[in-house]
Amino acid sequence: MPLHRRLPKRGFTNIFKKYYEIVNVEQLSRCAGIDPVTPEVMKDKGLIKKVGAVKILGVGELKESLSVHAHKFSKSAQAKIEKSGGKAVNL
């Protein structure tokens, strides 16, 4: 009998799970001079592969003041964006 039939089925796949495209704060510096930074702009700059739900994470530093529009923000990302003088807008 093949191995995949000998092993038990495991786990559960939630068909309603929402998948996010992940962007770090340090990557947003590629969008300097563009206001506001929307998911469409992020796709044009190569930060995400497809326009969908976007989550901004707080890895790195942001030196420019940007207005960032995304579906979710981590607490550290929101704090870093606001500390640099920008705005974090939930879609």
PDB file of N, CA and C in Angstrom:
ATOM      1  N   MET A   1       0.848  -1.172   0.000  1.00  0.00           N
ATOM      2  CA  MET A   1       0.000   0.000   0.000  1.00  0.00           C
ATOM      3  C   MET A   1       0.904   1.249   0.000  1.00  0.00           C
ATOM      4  N   PRO A   2       0.565   2.287  -0.783  1.00  0.00           N
ATOM      5  CA  PRO A   2       1.395   3.500  -0.834  1.00  0.00           C
ATOM      6  C   PRO A   2       1.450   4.204   0.522  1.00  0.00           C
ATOM      7  N   LEU A   3       2.539   4.903   0.735  1.00  0.00           N
ATOM      8  CA  LEU A   3       2.769   5.566   2.018  1.00  0.00           C
ATOM      9  C   LEU A   3       1.669   6.576   2.347  1.00  0.00           C
ATOM     10  N   HIS A   4       1.218   7.331   1.361  1.00  0.00           N
ATOM     11  CA  HIS A   4       0.211   8.353   1.648  1.00  0.00           C
ATOM     12  C   HIS A   4      -1.128   7.748   2.068  1.00  0.00           C
ATOM     13  N   ARG A   5      -1.362   6.494   1.773  1.00  0.00           N
ATOM     14  CA  ARG A   5      -2.589   5.840   2.221  1.00  0.00           C
ATOM     15  C   ARG A   5      -2.412   5.154   3.566  1.00  0.00           C
ATOM     16  N   ARG A   6      -1.175   4.873   3.938  1.00  0.00           N
ATOM     17  CA  ARG A   6      -0.908   4.225   5.224  1.00  0.00           C
ATOM     18  C   ARG A   6      -0.922   5.217   6.380  1.00  0.00           C
ATOM     19  N   LEU A   7      -0.625   6.487   6.099  1.00  0.00           N
ATOM     20  CA  LEU A   7      -0.569   7.496   7.157  1.00  0.00           C
ATOM     21  C   LEU A   7      -1.954   8.100   7.378  1.00  0.00           C
ATOM     22  N   PRO A   8      -2.289   8.454   8.611  1.00  0.00           N
ATOM     23  CA  PRO A   8      -3.611   9.028   8.875  1.00  0.00           C
ATOM     24  C   PRO A   8      -3.727  10.458   8.353  1.00  0.00           C
ATOM     25  N   LYS A   9      -4.964  10.858   8.083  1.00  0.00           N
ATOM     26  CA  LYS A   9      -5.215  12.245   7.697  1.00  0.00           C
ATOM     27  C   LYS A   9      -4.973  13.122   8.913  1.00  0.00           C
ATOM     28  N   ARG A  10      -4.416  14.297   8.691  1.00  0.00           N
ATOM     29  CA  ARG A  10      -4.091  15.168   9.822  1.00  0.00           C
ATOM     30  C   ARG A  10      -4.544  16.582   9.525  1.00  0.00           C
ATOM     31  N   GLY A  11      -4.962  17.267  10.573  1.00  0.00           N
ATOM     32  CA  GLY A  11      -5.200  18.699  10.481  1.00  0.00           C
ATOM     33  C   GLY A  11      -6.517  19.081   9.841  1.00  0.00           C
ATOM     34  N   PHE A  12      -6.661  20.377   9.687  1.00  0.00           N
ATOM     35  CA  PHE A  12      -7.878  20.979   9.170  1.00  0.00           C
ATOM     36  C   PHE A  12      -7.481  22.195   8.358  1.00  0.00           C
ATOM     37  N   THR A  13      -8.097  22.399   7.218  1.00  0.00           N
ATOM     38  CA  THR A  13      -7.837  23.569   6.396  1.00  0.00           C
ATOM     39  C   THR A  13      -9.058  24.472   6.449  1.00  0.00           C
ATOM     40  N   ASN A  14      -8.880  25.650   7.000  1.00  0.00           N
ATOM     41  CA  ASN A  14      -9.964  26.612   7.099  1.00  0.00           C
ATOM     42  C   ASN A  14     -10.126  27.302   5.752  1.00  0.00           C
ATOM     43  N   ILE A  15     -11.259  27.083   5.090  1.00  0.00           N
ATOM     44  CA  ILE A  15     -11.465  27.663   3.766  1.00  0.00           C
ATOM     45  C   ILE A  15     -11.806  29.147   3.835  1.00  0.00           C
ATOM     46  N   PHE A  16     -12.068  29.669   5.029  1.00  0.00           N
ATOM     47  CA  PHE A  16     -12.419  31.076   5.179  1.00  0.00           C
ATOM     48  C   PHE A  16     -11.244  31.930   5.643  1.00  0.00           C
ATOM     49  N   LYS A  17     -10.055  31.344   5.770  1.00  0.00           N
ATOM     50  CA  LYS A  17      -8.882  32.083   6.237  1.00  0.00           C
ATOM     51  C   LYS A  17      -8.519  33.177   5.245  1.00  0.00           C
ATOM     52  N   LYS A  18      -8.178  34.349   5.774  1.00  0.00           N
ATOM     53  CA  LYS A  18      -7.784  35.469   4.935  1.00  0.00           C
ATOM     54  C   LYS A  18      -6.264  35.531   4.886  1.00  0.00           C
ATOM     55  N   TYR A  19      -5.704  35.578   3.705  1.00  0.00           N
ATOM     56  CA  TYR A  19      -4.260  35.641   3.524  1.00  0.00           C
ATOM     57  C   TYR A  19      -3.848  37.076   3.229  1.00  0.00           C
ATOM     58  N   TYR A  20      -2.771  37.515   3.878  1.00  0.00           N
ATOM     59  CA  TYR A  20      -2.284  38.877   3.720  1.00  0.00           C
ATOM     60  C   TYR A  20      -0.944  38.887   3.002  1.00  0.00           C
ATOM     61  N   GLU A  21      -0.750  39.894   2.168  1.00  0.00           N
ATOM     62  CA  GLU A  21       0.572  40.180   1.611  1.00  0.00           C
ATOM     63  C   GLU A  21       1.313  40.966   2.687  1.00  0.00           C
ATOM     64  N   ILE A  22       2.537  40.579   2.999  1.00  0.00           N
ATOM     65  CA  ILE A  22       3.300  41.175   4.091  1.00  0.00           C
ATOM     66  C   ILE A  22       4.295  42.197   3.543  1.00  0.00           C
ATOM     67  N   VAL A  23       4.298  43.397   4.147  1.00  0.00           N
ATOM     68  CA  VAL A  23       5.255  44.448   3.796  1.00  0.00           C
ATOM     69  C   VAL A  23       5.839  44.983   5.094  1.00  0.00           C
ATOM     70  N   ASN A  24       7.163  45.102   5.156  1.00  0.00           N
ATOM     71  CA  ASN A  24       7.819  45.668   6.329  1.00  0.00           C
ATOM     72  C   ASN A  24       7.945  47.180   6.183  1.00  0.00           C
ATOM     73  N   VAL A  25       8.044  47.865   7.320  1.00  0.00           N
ATOM     74  CA  VAL A  25       8.130  49.323   7.329  1.00  0.00           C
ATOM     75  C   VAL A  25       9.346  49.802   6.537  1.00  0.00           C
ATOM     76  N   GLU A  26      10.468  49.098   6.641  1.00  0.00           N
ATOM     77  CA  GLU A  26      11.675  49.528   5.935  1.00  0.00           C
ATOM     78  C   GLU A  26      11.505  49.463   4.418  1.00  0.00           C
ATOM     79  N   GLN A  27      10.628  48.603   3.921  1.00  0.00           N
ATOM     80  CA  GLN A  27      10.389  48.508   2.482  1.00  0.00           C
ATOM     81  C   GLN A  27       9.582  49.688   1.958  1.00  0.00           C
ATOM     82  N   LEU A  28       8.856  50.375   2.830  1.00  0.00           N
ATOM     83  CA  LEU A  28       8.033  51.501   2.401  1.00  0.00           C
ATOM     84  C   LEU A  28       8.875  52.677   1.927  1.00  0.00           C
ATOM     85  N   SER A  29      10.172  52.687   2.235  1.00  0.00           N
ATOM     86  CA  SER A  29      11.030  53.784   1.788  1.00  0.00           C
ATOM     87  C   SER A  29      11.157  53.797   0.261  1.00  0.00           C
ATOM     88  N   ARG A  30      10.856  52.679  -0.405  1.00  0.00           N
ATOM     89  CA  ARG A  30      10.853  52.654  -1.874  1.00  0.00           C
ATOM     90  C   ARG A  30       9.732  53.518  -2.445  1.00  0.00           C
ATOM     91  N   CYS A  31       8.725  53.804  -1.624  1.00  0.00           N
ATOM     92  CA  CYS A  31       7.578  54.592  -2.076  1.00  0.00           C
ATOM     93  C   CYS A  31       7.702  56.052  -1.657  1.00  0.00           C
ATOM     94  N   ALA A  32       8.902  56.520  -1.362  1.00  0.00           N
ATOM     95  CA  ALA A  32       9.100  57.907  -0.928  1.00  0.00           C
ATOM     96  C   ALA A  32       8.659  58.861  -2.036  1.00  0.00           C
ATOM     97  N   GLY A  33       7.968  59.913  -1.642  1.00  0.00           N
ATOM     98  CA  GLY A  33       7.497  60.900  -2.602  1.00  0.00           C
ATOM     99  C   GLY A  33       6.129  60.598  -3.173  1.00  0.00           C
ATOM    100  N   ILE A  34       5.565  59.449  -2.852  1.00  0.00           N
ATOM    101  CA  ILE A  34       4.234  59.082  -3.337  1.00  0.00           C
ATOM    102  C   ILE A  34       3.270  59.184  -2.166  1.00  0.00           C
ATOM    103  N   ASP A  35       2.181  59.915  -2.362  1.00  0.00           N
ATOM    104  CA  ASP A  35       1.220  60.082  -1.278  1.00  0.00           C
ATOM    105  C   ASP A  35      -0.183  59.952  -1.831  1.00  0.00           C
ATOM    106  N   PRO A  36      -1.032  59.105  -1.344  1.00  0.00           N
ATOM    107  CA  PRO A  36      -0.830  58.102  -0.304  1.00  0.00           C
ATOM    108  C   PRO A  36      -0.246  56.816  -0.890  1.00  0.00           C
ATOM    109  N   VAL A  37       0.311  55.984  -0.020  1.00  0.00           N
ATOM    110  CA  VAL A  37       0.850  54.683  -0.421  1.00  0.00           C
ATOM    111  C   VAL A  37      -0.271  53.658  -0.255  1.00  0.00           C
ATOM    112  N   THR A  38      -0.835  53.231  -1.373  1.00  0.00           N
ATOM    113  CA  THR A  38      -1.943  52.275  -1.383  1.00  0.00           C
ATOM    114  C   THR A  38      -1.431  50.908  -1.854  1.00  0.00           C
ATOM    115  N   PRO A  39      -2.241  49.857  -1.732  1.00  0.00           N
ATOM    116  CA  PRO A  39      -1.813  48.550  -2.242  1.00  0.00           C
ATOM    117  C   PRO A  39      -1.469  48.564  -3.739  1.00  0.00           C
ATOM    118  N   GLU A  40      -2.143  49.395  -4.523  1.00  0.00           N
ATOM    119  CA  GLU A  40      -1.836  49.484  -5.955  1.00  0.00           C
ATOM    120  C   GLU A  40      -0.433  50.048  -6.173  1.00  0.00           C
ATOM    121  N   VAL A  41      -0.057  51.065  -5.387  1.00  0.00           N
ATOM    122  CA  VAL A  41       1.283  51.652  -5.475  1.00  0.00           C
ATOM    123  C   VAL A  41       2.324  50.622  -5.052  1.00  0.00           C
ATOM    124  N   MET A  42       2.025  49.857  -3.991  1.00  0.00           N
ATOM    125  CA  MET A  42       2.961  48.831  -3.518  1.00  0.00           C
ATOM    126  C   MET A  42       3.196  47.775  -4.586  1.00  0.00           C
ATOM    127  N   LYS A  43       2.147  47.421  -5.334  1.00  0.00           N
ATOM    128  CA  LYS A  43       2.310  46.444  -6.415  1.00  0.00           C
ATOM    129  C   LYS A  43       3.166  47.027  -7.528  1.00  0.00           C
ATOM    130  N   ASP A  44       2.941  48.285  -7.892  1.00  0.00           N
ATOM    131  CA  ASP A  44       3.734  48.924  -8.944  1.00  0.00           C
ATOM    132  C   ASP A  44       5.213  49.004  -8.572  1.00  0.00           C
ATOM    133  N   LYS A  45       5.512  49.199  -7.294  1.00  0.00           N
ATOM    134  CA  LYS A  45       6.899  49.295  -6.830  1.00  0.00           C
ATOM    135  C   LYS A  45       7.530  47.931  -6.560  1.00  0.00           C
ATOM    136  N   GLY A  46       6.751  46.848  -6.667  1.00  0.00           N
ATOM    137  CA  GLY A  46       7.284  45.502  -6.488  1.00  0.00           C
ATOM    138  C   GLY A  46       7.335  45.026  -5.047  1.00  0.00           C
ATOM    139  N   LEU A  47       6.608  45.685  -4.141  1.00  0.00           N
ATOM    140  CA  LEU A  47       6.601  45.264  -2.739  1.00  0.00           C
ATOM    141  C   LEU A  47       5.691  44.056  -2.515  1.00  0.00           C
ATOM    142  N   ILE A  48       4.621  43.956  -3.306  1.00  0.00           N
ATOM    143  CA  ILE A  48       3.698  42.828  -3.199  1.00  0.00           C
ATOM    144  C   ILE A  48       3.483  42.243  -4.590  1.00  0.00           C
ATOM    145  N   LYS A  49       3.037  40.992  -4.638  1.00  0.00           N
ATOM    146  CA  LYS A  49       2.854  40.329  -5.932  1.00  0.00           C
ATOM    147  C   LYS A  49       1.476  40.578  -6.525  1.00  0.00           C
ATOM    148  N   LYS A  50       0.450  40.605  -5.667  1.00  0.00           N
ATOM    149  CA  LYS A  50      -0.897  40.845  -6.177  1.00  0.00           C
ATOM    150  C   LYS A  50      -1.614  41.809  -5.245  1.00  0.00           C
ATOM    151  N   VAL A  51      -2.536  42.569  -5.801  1.00  0.00           N
ATOM    152  CA  VAL A  51      -3.291  43.522  -4.994  1.00  0.00           C
ATOM    153  C   VAL A  51      -4.385  42.753  -4.275  1.00  0.00           C
ATOM    154  N   GLY A  52      -4.281  42.737  -2.962  1.00  0.00           N
ATOM    155  CA  GLY A  52      -5.254  42.062  -2.120  1.00  0.00           C
ATOM    156  C   GLY A  52      -5.141  42.654  -0.732  1.00  0.00           C
ATOM    157  N   ALA A  53      -5.362  41.847   0.271  1.00  0.00           N
ATOM    158  CA  ALA A  53      -5.228  42.311   1.648  1.00  0.00           C
ATOM    159  C   ALA A  53      -3.743  42.462   1.980  1.00  0.00           C
ATOM    160  N   VAL A  54      -3.374  43.617   2.548  1.00  0.00           N
ATOM    161  CA  VAL A  54      -1.974  43.929   2.852  1.00  0.00           C
ATOM    162  C   VAL A  54      -1.835  44.178   4.345  1.00  0.00           C
ATOM    163  N   LYS A  55      -0.796  43.598   4.949  1.00  0.00           N
ATOM    164  CA  LYS A  55      -0.481  43.851   6.353  1.00  0.00           C
ATOM    165  C   LYS A  55       0.913  44.453   6.430  1.00  0.00           C
ATOM    166  N   ILE A  56       1.041  45.539   7.196  1.00  0.00           N
ATOM    167  CA  ILE A  56       2.314  46.222   7.375  1.00  0.00           C
ATOM    168  C   ILE A  56       2.898  45.790   8.718  1.00  0.00           C
ATOM    169  N   LEU A  57       4.146  45.286   8.692  1.00  0.00           N
ATOM    170  CA  LEU A  57       4.840  44.864   9.906  1.00  0.00           C
ATOM    171  C   LEU A  57       5.926  45.874  10.254  1.00  0.00           C
ATOM    172  N   GLY A  58       6.343  45.895  11.516  1.00  0.00           N
ATOM    173  CA  GLY A  58       7.236  46.925  12.021  1.00  0.00           C
ATOM    174  C   GLY A  58       8.712  46.616  11.975  1.00  0.00           C
ATOM    175  N   VAL A  59       9.193  45.887  10.982  1.00  0.00           N
ATOM    176  CA  VAL A  59      10.619  45.571  10.888  1.00  0.00           C
ATOM    177  C   VAL A  59      11.339  46.723  10.187  1.00  0.00           C
ATOM    178  N   GLY A  60      12.368  47.255  10.823  1.00  0.00           N
ATOM    179  CA  GLY A  60      13.151  48.328  10.219  1.00  0.00           C
ATOM    180  C   GLY A  60      12.699  49.703  10.688  1.00  0.00           C
ATOM    181  N   GLU A  61      13.272  50.722  10.066  1.00  0.00           N
ATOM    182  CA  GLU A  61      12.959  52.108  10.420  1.00  0.00           C
ATOM    183  C   GLU A  61      12.418  52.837   9.203  1.00  0.00           C
ATOM    184  N   LEU A  62      11.610  53.854   9.458  1.00  0.00           N
ATOM    185  CA  LEU A  62      11.036  54.681   8.402  1.00  0.00           C
ATOM    186  C   LEU A  62      11.486  56.110   8.639  1.00  0.00           C
ATOM    187  N   LYS A  63      12.109  56.721   7.643  1.00  0.00           N
ATOM    188  CA  LYS A  63      12.622  58.077   7.795  1.00  0.00           C
ATOM    189  C   LYS A  63      11.736  59.114   7.115  1.00  0.00           C
ATOM    190  N   GLU A  64      10.908  58.698   6.159  1.00  0.00           N
ATOM    191  CA  GLU A  64      10.039  59.613   5.440  1.00  0.00           C
ATOM    192  C   GLU A  64       8.657  59.662   6.087  1.00  0.00           C
ATOM    193  N   SER A  65       7.977  60.769   5.894  1.00  0.00           N
ATOM    194  CA  SER A  65       6.602  60.915   6.367  1.00  0.00           C
ATOM    195  C   SER A  65       5.676  60.426   5.254  1.00  0.00           C
ATOM    196  N   LEU A  66       5.004  59.307   5.483  1.00  0.00           N
ATOM    197  CA  LEU A  66       4.136  58.707   4.471  1.00  0.00           C
ATOM    198  C   LEU A  66       2.737  58.475   5.021  1.00  0.00           C
ATOM    199  N   SER A  67       1.756  58.600   4.152  1.00  0.00           N
ATOM    200  CA  SER A  67       0.391  58.208   4.487  1.00  0.00           C
ATOM    201  C   SER A  67       0.181  56.824   3.876  1.00  0.00           C
ATOM    202  N   VAL A  68       0.107  55.804   4.729  1.00  0.00           N
ATOM    203  CA  VAL A  68       0.057  54.415   4.270  1.00  0.00           C
ATOM    204  C   VAL A  68      -1.358  53.875   4.445  1.00  0.00           C
ATOM    205  N   HIS A  69      -1.913  53.341   3.358  1.00  0.00           N
ATOM    206  CA  HIS A  69      -3.239  52.726   3.389  1.00  0.00           C
ATOM    207  C   HIS A  69      -3.056  51.219   3.268  1.00  0.00           C
ATOM    208  N   ALA A  70      -3.538  50.465   4.255  1.00  0.00           N
ATOM    209  CA  ALA A  70      -3.429  49.004   4.233  1.00  0.00           C
ATOM    210  C   ALA A  70      -4.594  48.415   5.019  1.00  0.00           C
ATOM    211  N   HIS A  71      -4.732  47.100   4.932  1.00  0.00           N
ATOM    212  CA  HIS A  71      -5.839  46.420   5.601  1.00  0.00           C
ATOM    213  C   HIS A  71      -5.555  46.134   7.066  1.00  0.00           C
ATOM    214  N   LYS A  72      -4.278  45.944   7.422  1.00  0.00           N
ATOM    215  CA  LYS A  72      -3.898  45.703   8.814  1.00  0.00           C
ATOM    216  C   LYS A  72      -2.523  46.279   9.070  1.00  0.00           C
ATOM    217  N   PHE A  73      -2.288  46.678  10.322  1.00  0.00           N
ATOM    218  CA  PHE A  73      -0.989  47.171  10.771  1.00  0.00           C
ATOM    219  C   PHE A  73      -0.651  46.482  12.087  1.00  0.00           C
ATOM    220  N   SER A  74       0.613  46.129  12.269  1.00  0.00           N
ATOM    221  CA  SER A  74       1.031  45.677  13.591  1.00  0.00           C
ATOM    222  C   SER A  74       1.166  46.922  14.465  1.00  0.00           C
ATOM    223  N   LYS A  75       1.146  46.740  15.776  1.00  0.00           N
ATOM    224  CA  LYS A  75       1.238  47.888  16.684  1.00  0.00           C
ATOM    225  C   LYS A  75       2.549  48.633  16.498  1.00  0.00           C
ATOM    226  N   SER A  76       3.643  47.892  16.317  1.00  0.00           N
ATOM    227  CA  SER A  76       4.941  48.545  16.153  1.00  0.00           C
ATOM    228  C   SER A  76       5.018  49.289  14.819  1.00  0.00           C
ATOM    229  N   ALA A  77       4.411  48.751  13.770  1.00  0.00           N
ATOM    230  CA  ALA A  77       4.419  49.428  12.473  1.00  0.00           C
ATOM    231  C   ALA A  77       3.626  50.721  12.544  1.00  0.00           C
ATOM    232  N   GLN A  78       2.476  50.676  13.188  1.00  0.00           N
ATOM    233  CA  GLN A  78       1.658  51.879  13.309  1.00  0.00           C
ATOM    234  C   GLN A  78       2.395  52.943  14.110  1.00  0.00           C
ATOM    235  N   ALA A  79       3.074  52.539  15.181  1.00  0.00           N
ATOM    236  CA  ALA A  79       3.826  53.491  16.000  1.00  0.00           C
ATOM    237  C   ALA A  79       4.972  54.105  15.203  1.00  0.00           C
ATOM    238  N   LYS A  80       5.688  53.312  14.414  1.00  0.00           N
ATOM    239  CA  LYS A  80       6.814  53.831  13.638  1.00  0.00           C
ATOM    240  C   LYS A  80       6.356  54.780  12.536  1.00  0.00           C
ATOM    241  N   ILE A  81       5.232  54.476  11.899  1.00  0.00           N
ATOM    242  CA  ILE A  81       4.711  55.351  10.845  1.00  0.00           C
ATOM    243  C   ILE A  81       4.291  56.686  11.446  1.00  0.00           C
ATOM    244  N   GLU A  82       3.596  56.653  12.579  1.00  0.00           N
ATOM    245  CA  GLU A  82       3.150  57.892  13.216  1.00  0.00           C
ATOM    246  C   GLU A  82       4.314  58.665  13.825  1.00  0.00           C
ATOM    247  N   LYS A  83       5.349  57.970  14.288  1.00  0.00           N
ATOM    248  CA  LYS A  83       6.527  58.632  14.849  1.00  0.00           C
ATOM    249  C   LYS A  83       7.276  59.425  13.774  1.00  0.00           C
ATOM    250  N   SER A  84       7.270  58.910  12.542  1.00  0.00           N
ATOM    251  CA  SER A  84       7.955  59.610  11.455  1.00  0.00           C
ATOM    252  C   SER A  84       7.113  60.742  10.872  1.00  0.00           C
ATOM    253  N   GLY A  85       5.907  60.952  11.413  1.00  0.00           N
ATOM    254  CA  GLY A  85       5.058  62.051  10.957  1.00  0.00           C
ATOM    255  C   GLY A  85       4.024  61.641   9.927  1.00  0.00           C
ATOM    256  N   GLY A  86       3.884  60.360   9.667  1.00  0.00           N
ATOM    257  CA  GLY A  86       2.924  59.882   8.682  1.00  0.00           C
ATOM    258  C   GLY A  86       1.619  59.438   9.312  1.00  0.00           C
ATOM    259  N   LYS A  87       0.759  58.836   8.466  1.00  0.00           N
ATOM    260  CA  LYS A  87      -0.528  58.339   8.937  1.00  0.00           C
ATOM    261  C   LYS A  87      -0.688  56.889   8.503  1.00  0.00           C
ATOM    262  N   ALA A  88      -1.288  56.081   9.374  1.00  0.00           N
ATOM    263  CA  ALA A  88      -1.618  54.691   9.067  1.00  0.00           C
ATOM    264  C   ALA A  88      -3.135  54.600   8.950  1.00  0.00           C
ATOM    265  N   VAL A  89      -3.626  54.349   7.736  1.00  0.00           N
ATOM    266  CA  VAL A  89      -5.062  54.334   7.473  1.00  0.00           C
ATOM    267  C   VAL A  89      -5.496  52.909   7.167  1.00  0.00           C
ATOM    268  N   ASN A  90      -6.472  52.403   7.937  1.00  0.00           N
ATOM    269  CA  ASN A  90      -7.030  51.068   7.693  1.00  0.00           C
ATOM    270  C   ASN A  90      -8.044  51.134   6.561  1.00  0.00           C
ATOM    271  N   LEU A  91      -7.974  50.173   5.663  1.00  0.00           N
ATOM    272  CA  LEU A  91      -8.943  50.096   4.561  1.00  0.00           C
ATOM    273  C   LEU A  91     -10.121  49.236   4.957  1.00  0.00           C
TER     274      LEU A  91
END
